[in-house]
N, C-alpha and C. Protein backbone atom coordinates (compact mmCIF):
# COMPACT_ATOMS: atom_id res chain seq x y z
N MET A 1 14.53 31.92 12.71
CA MET A 1 15.73 31.37 12.11
C MET A 1 15.81 29.89 12.50
N ALA A 2 16.43 29.11 11.64
CA ALA A 2 16.59 27.68 11.87
C ALA A 2 18.03 27.29 11.58
N LEU A 3 18.48 26.24 12.25
CA LEU A 3 19.83 25.73 12.05
C LEU A 3 19.83 24.63 10.99
N TYR A 4 20.87 24.64 10.18
CA TYR A 4 21.05 23.62 9.15
C TYR A 4 22.49 23.12 9.19
N MET A 5 22.64 21.81 8.99
CA MET A 5 23.96 21.20 8.83
C MET A 5 24.11 20.86 7.35
N ILE A 6 25.21 21.28 6.78
CA ILE A 6 25.46 21.02 5.36
C ILE A 6 26.69 20.13 5.24
N HIS A 7 26.59 19.12 4.43
CA HIS A 7 27.75 18.31 4.05
C HIS A 7 27.90 18.46 2.55
N TRP A 8 29.12 18.76 2.11
CA TRP A 8 29.34 18.86 0.67
C TRP A 8 30.50 17.97 0.26
N LYS A 9 30.44 17.58 -0.96
CA LYS A 9 31.48 16.75 -1.58
C LYS A 9 31.87 17.44 -2.87
N ILE A 10 33.16 17.67 -3.05
CA ILE A 10 33.65 18.30 -4.27
C ILE A 10 33.62 17.29 -5.41
N ASN A 11 33.09 17.70 -6.56
CA ASN A 11 33.14 16.84 -7.74
C ASN A 11 34.60 16.68 -8.12
N GLN A 12 35.08 15.45 -8.14
CA GLN A 12 36.50 15.18 -8.34
C GLN A 12 37.06 15.84 -9.59
N ALA A 13 36.30 15.85 -10.66
CA ALA A 13 36.78 16.45 -11.91
C ALA A 13 36.90 17.97 -11.80
N LYS A 14 36.28 18.56 -10.78
CA LYS A 14 36.29 20.02 -10.61
C LYS A 14 37.07 20.46 -9.38
N LYS A 15 37.83 19.54 -8.78
CA LYS A 15 38.51 19.82 -7.52
C LYS A 15 39.41 21.04 -7.59
N MET A 16 40.28 21.13 -8.56
CA MET A 16 41.22 22.24 -8.63
C MET A 16 40.50 23.56 -8.91
N GLU A 17 39.42 23.52 -9.69
CA GLU A 17 38.63 24.71 -9.94
C GLU A 17 37.95 25.18 -8.64
N ALA A 18 37.41 24.23 -7.88
CA ALA A 18 36.78 24.57 -6.61
C ALA A 18 37.79 25.18 -5.65
N PHE A 19 38.97 24.56 -5.54
CA PHE A 19 40.02 25.09 -4.66
C PHE A 19 40.44 26.49 -5.11
N ALA A 20 40.60 26.69 -6.39
CA ALA A 20 41.02 28.00 -6.91
C ALA A 20 39.97 29.06 -6.60
N ASN A 21 38.70 28.74 -6.83
CA ASN A 21 37.63 29.70 -6.55
C ASN A 21 37.58 30.05 -5.07
N PHE A 22 37.62 29.02 -4.22
CA PHE A 22 37.52 29.25 -2.78
C PHE A 22 38.72 30.03 -2.25
N SER A 23 39.91 29.72 -2.73
CA SER A 23 41.12 30.35 -2.19
C SER A 23 41.19 31.84 -2.48
N GLN A 24 40.49 32.28 -3.52
CA GLN A 24 40.52 33.70 -3.89
C GLN A 24 39.46 34.53 -3.16
N MET A 25 38.58 33.87 -2.40
CA MET A 25 37.48 34.59 -1.74
C MET A 25 37.96 35.30 -0.48
N THR A 26 37.40 36.48 -0.26
CA THR A 26 37.63 37.22 0.97
C THR A 26 36.44 36.98 1.91
N GLU A 27 36.54 37.49 3.12
CA GLU A 27 35.41 37.38 4.05
C GLU A 27 34.18 38.10 3.49
N ALA A 28 34.40 39.24 2.82
CA ALA A 28 33.30 39.97 2.19
C ALA A 28 32.66 39.13 1.07
N ASP A 29 33.50 38.42 0.31
CA ASP A 29 32.98 37.54 -0.74
C ASP A 29 32.12 36.43 -0.14
N ASP A 30 32.59 35.85 0.98
CA ASP A 30 31.82 34.81 1.67
C ASP A 30 30.45 35.35 2.09
N ASP A 31 30.44 36.56 2.66
CA ASP A 31 29.19 37.15 3.10
C ASP A 31 28.24 37.38 1.92
N ALA A 32 28.75 37.86 0.82
CA ALA A 32 27.93 38.09 -0.36
C ALA A 32 27.43 36.77 -0.94
N ASP A 33 28.29 35.76 -0.94
CA ASP A 33 27.94 34.45 -1.49
C ASP A 33 26.83 33.78 -0.70
N SER A 34 26.85 33.92 0.63
CA SER A 34 25.89 33.22 1.47
C SER A 34 24.57 33.96 1.65
N GLY A 35 24.49 35.20 1.22
CA GLY A 35 23.22 35.93 1.29
C GLY A 35 22.73 36.10 2.71
N ASP A 36 21.46 35.70 2.97
CA ASP A 36 20.86 35.84 4.30
C ASP A 36 21.24 34.73 5.26
N VAL A 37 22.13 33.84 4.84
CA VAL A 37 22.55 32.72 5.66
C VAL A 37 23.73 33.15 6.52
N GLN A 38 23.64 32.90 7.83
CA GLN A 38 24.73 33.21 8.74
C GLN A 38 25.50 31.93 9.05
N GLN A 39 26.77 31.91 8.67
CA GLN A 39 27.61 30.76 8.97
C GLN A 39 27.97 30.76 10.45
N ILE A 40 27.78 29.63 11.10
CA ILE A 40 28.20 29.47 12.49
C ILE A 40 29.59 28.85 12.52
N GLY A 41 29.83 27.93 11.60
CA GLY A 41 31.14 27.30 11.48
C GLY A 41 31.22 26.50 10.20
N ARG A 42 32.45 26.35 9.71
CA ARG A 42 32.66 25.58 8.48
C ARG A 42 33.98 24.85 8.63
N TRP A 43 33.98 23.57 8.25
CA TRP A 43 35.15 22.72 8.40
C TRP A 43 35.42 21.99 7.09
N HIS A 44 36.70 21.85 6.76
CA HIS A 44 37.10 21.31 5.46
C HIS A 44 37.97 20.07 5.65
N ASP A 45 37.75 19.09 4.80
CA ASP A 45 38.61 17.92 4.67
C ASP A 45 39.09 17.94 3.21
N ALA A 46 40.12 18.75 2.95
CA ALA A 46 40.58 18.95 1.57
C ALA A 46 41.04 17.65 0.94
N ALA A 47 41.74 16.82 1.70
CA ALA A 47 42.21 15.55 1.15
C ALA A 47 41.04 14.64 0.79
N GLY A 48 39.98 14.71 1.57
CA GLY A 48 38.79 13.89 1.32
C GLY A 48 37.79 14.55 0.38
N GLU A 49 38.14 15.76 -0.08
CA GLU A 49 37.30 16.49 -1.04
C GLU A 49 35.88 16.69 -0.51
N GLN A 50 35.78 17.05 0.80
CA GLN A 50 34.48 17.25 1.40
C GLN A 50 34.57 18.24 2.54
N GLY A 51 33.42 18.65 3.04
CA GLY A 51 33.39 19.57 4.16
C GLY A 51 32.01 19.63 4.77
N TRP A 52 31.93 20.38 5.89
CA TRP A 52 30.71 20.52 6.65
C TRP A 52 30.55 21.96 7.10
N ALA A 53 29.31 22.37 7.30
CA ALA A 53 29.03 23.70 7.84
C ALA A 53 27.77 23.62 8.68
N ILE A 54 27.71 24.49 9.67
CA ILE A 54 26.49 24.74 10.42
C ILE A 54 26.14 26.19 10.15
N CYS A 55 24.88 26.43 9.84
CA CYS A 55 24.45 27.79 9.56
C CYS A 55 23.07 28.05 10.14
N ASP A 56 22.76 29.32 10.27
CA ASP A 56 21.47 29.79 10.74
C ASP A 56 20.83 30.54 9.57
N SER A 57 19.59 30.22 9.28
CA SER A 57 18.97 30.81 8.10
C SER A 57 17.47 30.99 8.30
N PRO A 58 16.90 32.03 7.71
CA PRO A 58 15.45 32.21 7.81
C PRO A 58 14.67 31.10 7.10
N THR A 59 15.22 30.58 6.02
CA THR A 59 14.52 29.51 5.27
C THR A 59 15.54 28.56 4.65
N VAL A 60 15.09 27.35 4.39
CA VAL A 60 15.95 26.38 3.69
C VAL A 60 16.21 26.86 2.26
N THR A 61 15.30 27.62 1.71
CA THR A 61 15.49 28.15 0.35
C THR A 61 16.73 29.04 0.30
N ASP A 62 16.96 29.84 1.35
CA ASP A 62 18.16 30.67 1.39
C ASP A 62 19.42 29.82 1.41
N VAL A 63 19.39 28.72 2.16
CA VAL A 63 20.54 27.81 2.22
C VAL A 63 20.76 27.16 0.86
N GLN A 64 19.69 26.70 0.24
CA GLN A 64 19.81 26.08 -1.08
C GLN A 64 20.31 27.07 -2.11
N ALA A 65 19.90 28.32 -2.02
CA ALA A 65 20.37 29.35 -2.96
C ALA A 65 21.87 29.56 -2.80
N TRP A 66 22.35 29.53 -1.56
CA TRP A 66 23.79 29.67 -1.31
C TRP A 66 24.55 28.52 -1.97
N TYR A 67 24.11 27.30 -1.75
CA TYR A 67 24.82 26.15 -2.32
C TYR A 67 24.61 26.00 -3.82
N PHE A 68 23.54 26.58 -4.33
CA PHE A 68 23.35 26.61 -5.79
C PHE A 68 24.51 27.34 -6.46
N ASN A 69 25.06 28.37 -5.78
CA ASN A 69 26.20 29.12 -6.33
C ASN A 69 27.39 28.21 -6.64
N TRP A 70 27.48 27.08 -5.94
CA TRP A 70 28.60 26.15 -6.10
C TRP A 70 28.17 24.86 -6.81
N GLY A 71 26.97 24.87 -7.37
CA GLY A 71 26.36 23.66 -7.91
C GLY A 71 27.14 22.94 -8.98
N ASP A 72 27.95 23.66 -9.76
CA ASP A 72 28.72 22.97 -10.80
C ASP A 72 30.02 22.36 -10.25
N LEU A 73 30.33 22.66 -8.97
CA LEU A 73 31.59 22.19 -8.38
C LEU A 73 31.40 21.18 -7.26
N ILE A 74 30.22 21.16 -6.64
CA ILE A 74 30.00 20.28 -5.49
C ILE A 74 28.61 19.65 -5.53
N SER A 75 28.45 18.61 -4.75
CA SER A 75 27.12 18.11 -4.41
C SER A 75 26.97 18.32 -2.91
N SER A 76 25.74 18.51 -2.44
CA SER A 76 25.57 18.82 -1.02
C SER A 76 24.30 18.19 -0.47
N THR A 77 24.32 18.01 0.84
CA THR A 77 23.16 17.56 1.60
C THR A 77 22.89 18.60 2.67
N ILE A 78 21.65 19.05 2.77
CA ILE A 78 21.26 20.06 3.74
C ILE A 78 20.27 19.42 4.71
N THR A 79 20.61 19.43 6.01
CA THR A 79 19.81 18.78 7.03
C THR A 79 19.42 19.77 8.12
N PRO A 80 18.12 19.95 8.39
CA PRO A 80 17.73 20.81 9.52
C PRO A 80 18.15 20.12 10.82
N VAL A 81 18.67 20.90 11.76
CA VAL A 81 19.12 20.37 13.05
C VAL A 81 18.67 21.29 14.18
N GLN A 82 18.69 20.76 15.41
CA GLN A 82 18.36 21.52 16.60
C GLN A 82 19.50 21.43 17.60
N ASN A 83 19.64 22.46 18.44
CA ASN A 83 20.61 22.35 19.52
C ASN A 83 19.95 21.66 20.71
N ASP A 84 20.72 21.41 21.76
CA ASP A 84 20.21 20.66 22.92
C ASP A 84 18.98 21.30 23.54
N SER A 85 19.04 22.62 23.79
CA SER A 85 17.92 23.26 24.48
C SER A 85 16.66 23.26 23.63
N GLU A 86 16.79 23.44 22.32
CA GLU A 86 15.62 23.38 21.44
C GLU A 86 14.97 22.01 21.46
N LEU A 87 15.79 20.97 21.41
CA LEU A 87 15.25 19.61 21.42
C LEU A 87 14.61 19.28 22.76
N ARG A 88 15.26 19.66 23.86
CA ARG A 88 14.68 19.41 25.18
C ARG A 88 13.33 20.13 25.32
N SER A 89 13.26 21.37 24.89
CA SER A 89 12.00 22.13 24.97
C SER A 89 10.90 21.45 24.18
N MET A 90 11.21 20.99 22.99
CA MET A 90 10.21 20.31 22.16
C MET A 90 9.74 19.03 22.83
N ILE A 91 10.67 18.22 23.35
CA ILE A 91 10.31 16.96 24.00
C ILE A 91 9.45 17.23 25.23
N ASN A 92 9.88 18.20 26.05
CA ASN A 92 9.12 18.50 27.27
C ASN A 92 7.73 19.02 26.94
N ALA A 93 7.59 19.83 25.90
CA ALA A 93 6.27 20.34 25.50
C ALA A 93 5.37 19.20 25.04
N LYS A 94 5.93 18.25 24.32
CA LYS A 94 5.15 17.12 23.82
C LYS A 94 4.74 16.17 24.94
N GLN A 95 5.60 16.04 25.96
CA GLN A 95 5.31 15.12 27.05
C GLN A 95 4.41 15.74 28.12
N GLY A 96 4.19 17.04 28.00
CA GLY A 96 3.29 17.73 28.92
C GLY A 96 3.92 17.94 30.22
């Protein structure tokens, strides 16, 4: 599994549609929507029409498939990230 940071921006012309769709979702809907992607956290800036999430996923394709579901309402950036211990381990392994 790998960690990904997602930033999304709501398409301004679709803002109310995006809010309506999201507000009607249950936790079960979220789970079905995200597929094999496990959300670690999600944060919203409704006034700024944007948000962020950290997730754990077997592949970036799974993350992209999740955000494809919202493709007509948002644009997104998906960035692979590491936590502190993962980065330290990689650096220490490289430095010998």
